[in-house]
Structures are given as structure tokens and as C-alpha cells.
N, C-alpha and C. Protein backbone atom coordinates (compact mmCIF):
# COMPACT_ATOMS: atom_id res chain seq x y z
N UNK A 1 0.92 -1.20 0.07
CA UNK A 1 0.03 0.08 -0.02
C UNK A 1 0.91 1.25 -0.05
N UNK A 2 0.62 2.10 -0.89
CA UNK A 2 1.28 3.41 -0.83
C UNK A 2 0.51 4.34 -0.05
N UNK A 3 1.17 4.95 0.96
CA UNK A 3 0.55 6.08 1.75
C UNK A 3 1.07 7.38 1.49
N UNK A 4 0.21 8.38 1.17
CA UNK A 4 0.60 9.86 0.81
C UNK A 4 -0.08 10.81 1.66
N UNK A 5 0.60 11.93 1.97
CA UNK A 5 0.16 13.06 2.57
C UNK A 5 -0.27 14.03 1.52
N UNK A 6 -1.47 14.50 1.63
CA UNK A 6 -1.89 15.54 0.61
C UNK A 6 -2.57 16.66 1.44
N UNK A 7 -2.62 17.74 1.11
CA UNK A 7 -3.39 18.86 1.61
C UNK A 7 -4.54 19.30 0.82
N UNK A 8 -5.46 20.13 1.24
CA UNK A 8 -6.62 20.38 0.56
C UNK A 8 -6.30 20.93 -0.77
N UNK A 9 -7.12 20.44 -1.86
CA UNK A 9 -7.03 20.94 -3.35
C UNK A 9 -5.74 20.24 -3.93
N UNK A 10 -5.03 19.17 -3.22
CA UNK A 10 -4.09 18.57 -4.00
C UNK A 10 -4.56 17.24 -4.65
N UNK A 11 -3.89 16.87 -5.62
CA UNK A 11 -4.51 15.66 -6.28
C UNK A 11 -3.42 14.35 -6.24
N UNK A 12 -3.99 13.56 -6.67
CA UNK A 12 -3.17 12.21 -6.84
C UNK A 12 -3.56 11.60 -8.09
N UNK A 13 -2.85 11.25 -8.85
CA UNK A 13 -3.02 10.51 -10.16
C UNK A 13 -2.82 8.86 -9.98
N UNK A 14 -3.93 8.40 -10.61
CA UNK A 14 -3.83 6.87 -10.64
C UNK A 14 -3.97 6.41 -12.01
N UNK A 15 -2.86 5.96 -12.50
CA UNK A 15 -2.67 5.50 -13.99
C UNK A 15 -2.81 6.76 -14.89
N UNK A 16 -3.53 6.58 -15.98
CA UNK A 16 -3.64 7.60 -16.93
C UNK A 16 -5.08 8.19 -16.76
N UNK A 17 -6.02 7.63 -16.13
CA UNK A 17 -7.29 8.09 -16.29
C UNK A 17 -8.06 8.34 -14.91
N UNK A 18 -7.49 8.24 -13.67
CA UNK A 18 -8.22 8.38 -12.64
C UNK A 18 -7.35 9.56 -11.79
N UNK A 19 -8.17 10.55 -11.37
CA UNK A 19 -7.46 11.59 -10.47
C UNK A 19 -8.35 11.71 -9.09
N UNK A 20 -7.71 11.69 -8.05
CA UNK A 20 -8.28 11.63 -6.56
C UNK A 20 -7.76 13.09 -6.07
N UNK A 21 -8.72 13.93 -5.69
CA UNK A 21 -8.73 15.13 -5.11
C UNK A 21 -9.04 15.29 -3.84
N UNK A 22 -8.25 16.01 -2.87
CA UNK A 22 -8.53 16.21 -1.46
C UNK A 22 -9.34 17.41 -1.61
N UNK A 23 -10.75 17.28 -1.45
CA UNK A 23 -11.70 18.50 -1.64
C UNK A 23 -11.72 19.28 -0.37
N UNK A 24 -11.87 18.56 0.82
CA UNK A 24 -11.85 19.46 2.06
C UNK A 24 -11.47 18.47 3.23
N UNK A 25 -10.64 18.98 4.33
CA UNK A 25 -10.37 18.39 5.48
C UNK A 25 -11.00 19.19 6.48
N UNK A 26 -11.80 18.43 7.38
CA UNK A 26 -12.44 18.96 8.59
C UNK A 26 -12.32 18.09 9.69
N UNK A 27 -11.66 18.31 10.74
CA UNK A 27 -11.55 17.50 11.98
C UNK A 27 -10.90 16.24 11.48
N UNK A 28 -11.61 15.19 11.91
CA UNK A 28 -11.14 13.87 11.57
C UNK A 28 -11.79 13.18 10.24
N UNK A 29 -12.26 14.10 9.36
CA UNK A 29 -13.00 13.79 8.14
C UNK A 29 -12.13 14.31 6.92
N UNK A 30 -12.11 13.60 5.88
CA UNK A 30 -11.53 14.00 4.62
C UNK A 30 -12.51 13.73 3.53
N UNK A 31 -12.87 14.80 2.65
CA UNK A 31 -13.72 14.76 1.66
C UNK A 31 -12.92 14.65 0.32
N UNK A 32 -12.96 13.54 -0.40
CA UNK A 32 -12.37 13.42 -1.63
C UNK A 32 -13.17 13.42 -2.90
N UNK A 33 -12.63 13.87 -3.93
CA UNK A 33 -13.38 13.82 -5.25
C UNK A 33 -12.57 12.73 -6.06
N UNK A 34 -13.37 11.87 -6.89
CA UNK A 34 -12.67 11.10 -7.80
C UNK A 34 -13.10 11.22 -9.19
N UNK A 35 -12.34 11.50 -9.88
CA UNK A 35 -12.58 11.58 -11.36
C UNK A 35 -12.15 10.36 -12.19
N UNK A 36 -13.07 9.71 -12.61
CA UNK A 36 -12.56 8.30 -13.34
C UNK A 36 -13.60 8.24 -14.62
N UNK A 37 -13.18 7.31 -15.64
CA UNK A 37 -13.95 7.05 -16.83
C UNK A 37 -15.33 6.50 -16.34
N UNK A 38 -16.40 6.85 -17.22
CA UNK A 38 -17.61 6.31 -16.86
C UNK A 38 -17.57 4.62 -16.79
N UNK A 39 -16.89 4.07 -17.57
CA UNK A 39 -16.69 2.70 -17.50
C UNK A 39 -16.09 2.10 -16.36
N UNK A 40 -15.55 2.77 -15.60
CA UNK A 40 -14.79 2.44 -14.32
C UNK A 40 -15.92 2.50 -13.07
N UNK A 41 -15.99 1.43 -12.21
CA UNK A 41 -16.80 1.40 -11.16
C UNK A 41 -16.03 1.92 -9.98
N UNK A 42 -16.58 2.78 -9.41
CA UNK A 42 -16.01 3.63 -8.22
C UNK A 42 -17.17 3.29 -7.09
N UNK A 43 -16.61 2.59 -6.06
CA UNK A 43 -17.83 2.37 -4.97
C UNK A 43 -17.11 2.32 -3.58
N UNK A 44 -17.67 2.79 -2.61
CA UNK A 44 -17.34 2.70 -1.27
C UNK A 44 -17.15 1.38 -0.81
N UNK A 45 -16.38 0.90 -0.12
CA UNK A 45 -15.89 -0.39 0.19
C UNK A 45 -17.28 -1.07 1.05
N UNK A 46 -17.91 -0.28 1.82
CA UNK A 46 -19.01 -0.79 2.72
C UNK A 46 -20.12 -1.11 1.87
N UNK A 47 -20.26 -0.61 0.57
CA UNK A 47 -21.49 -0.85 -0.32
C UNK A 47 -21.18 -2.05 -1.09
N UNK A 48 -19.82 -2.51 -1.16
CA UNK A 48 -19.55 -3.43 -2.14
C UNK A 48 -20.24 -4.86 -1.89
N UNK A 49 -20.57 -5.09 -0.77
CA UNK A 49 -21.28 -6.35 -0.30
C UNK A 49 -22.79 -6.13 -0.81
N UNK A 50 -23.30 -5.06 -0.81
CA UNK A 50 -24.74 -4.70 -1.03
C UNK A 50 -24.86 -4.53 -2.69
N UNK A 51 -23.82 -4.27 -3.43
CA UNK A 51 -23.70 -4.00 -4.80
C UNK A 51 -24.46 -5.21 -5.64
N UNK A 52 -25.48 -4.77 -6.44
CA UNK A 52 -25.81 -5.78 -7.34
C UNK A 52 -24.78 -6.58 -8.25
N UNK A 53 -25.03 -7.72 -8.23
CA UNK A 53 -24.03 -8.65 -9.13
C UNK A 53 -24.53 -8.58 -10.52
N UNK A 54 -24.50 -9.78 -11.29
CA UNK A 54 -24.96 -10.08 -12.39
C UNK A 54 -26.49 -10.20 -12.40
N UNK A 55 -27.15 -9.55 -13.01
CA UNK A 55 -28.68 -9.70 -13.11
C UNK A 55 -29.13 -10.88 -13.87
N UNK A 56 -29.71 -11.87 -13.19
CA UNK A 56 -30.25 -12.99 -13.98
C UNK A 56 -31.83 -12.85 -13.97
N UNK A 57 -32.46 -12.89 -15.14
CA UNK A 57 -33.76 -12.72 -15.31
C UNK A 57 -34.46 -13.98 -15.50
N UNK A 58 -35.44 -14.16 -14.66
CA UNK A 58 -36.13 -15.46 -14.46
C UNK A 58 -37.28 -15.39 -15.42
N UNK A 59 -37.32 -16.58 -15.95
CA UNK A 59 -38.62 -16.74 -17.18
C UNK A 59 -40.06 -16.48 -16.29
N UNK A 60 -40.81 -15.93 -17.09
CA UNK A 60 -42.16 -15.65 -16.57
C UNK A 60 -43.11 -16.38 -17.50
N UNK A 61 -44.43 -16.50 -17.02
CA UNK A 61 -45.32 -17.16 -17.71
C UNK A 61 -45.57 -16.59 -19.10
N UNK A 62 -45.82 -17.27 -20.30
CA UNK A 62 -46.02 -16.64 -21.45
C UNK A 62 -47.23 -15.94 -21.47
N UNK A 63 -47.15 -14.77 -22.31
CA UNK A 63 -48.18 -13.76 -22.34
C UNK A 63 -49.06 -14.37 -23.50
N UNK A 64 -50.30 -14.19 -23.39
CA UNK A 64 -51.25 -14.79 -24.43
C UNK A 64 -51.43 -13.70 -25.39
N UNK A 65 -50.43 -13.57 -26.36
CA UNK A 65 -50.34 -12.43 -27.32
C UNK A 65 -51.62 -12.43 -28.12
N UNK A 66 -52.18 -13.58 -28.81
CA UNK A 66 -53.23 -13.32 -29.54
C UNK A 66 -54.50 -12.76 -28.87
N UNK A 67 -54.50 -13.13 -27.54
CA UNK A 67 -55.68 -12.42 -26.74
C UNK A 67 -55.31 -11.10 -26.54
N UNK A 68 -54.32 -10.73 -26.42
CA UNK A 68 -53.97 -9.41 -25.97
C UNK A 68 -54.04 -8.54 -27.33
N UNK A 69 -53.82 -8.93 -28.53
CA UNK A 69 -53.96 -8.31 -29.83
C UNK A 69 -55.31 -7.69 -29.97
N UNK A 70 -56.37 -8.25 -29.33
CA UNK A 70 -57.67 -7.61 -29.64
C UNK A 70 -58.07 -6.46 -28.83
N UNK A 71 -57.19 -5.98 -27.96
CA UNK A 71 -57.18 -4.72 -27.34
C UNK A 71 -56.42 -3.63 -28.09
N UNK A 72 -55.69 -4.06 -29.08
CA UNK A 72 -55.05 -2.99 -29.82
C UNK A 72 -55.74 -2.69 -30.90
N UNK A 73 -55.93 -1.27 -31.05
CA UNK A 73 -56.84 -0.93 -32.21
C UNK A 73 -56.59 0.10 -32.76
């Protein structure tokens, strides 16, 4: 793990496409901003367990399409 000290408004670059900015330091809290490509998932660690995984659609009963068509006019 790389540990860095940064002051408010200072930035850290991660690779070519991620920038982490120290937005505010207040007491024992630090507010950070993360700029990353839309295709990259950025998630707080405590939410990772609750994050939806692959969505699997369950089959549903077939719709009676011929019966429904009589309502379209």
C-alpha cells in the first residue's frame, strides 16, 4: 500500500485516467473527489457487499399474445 500525505485541493493521479482530489479536510474527516472514466466502477467499500451482481432474469409465464391483440386497435 502506498501512503501519501496531501493537503486540501492537492491531487493524486492513478494511472492515466483516474484523479483523486482532496476536496476538504475537516476535523477527522477528509472529503475526496474521484474523477474516473464512466466505464470504471467507483464504489465505497462498505457498499460492495450490497452491490448488485450479475442480473439474472427469471422466465415468466408466457403472455397470451393473440388474446392481447384484440385490445390493440
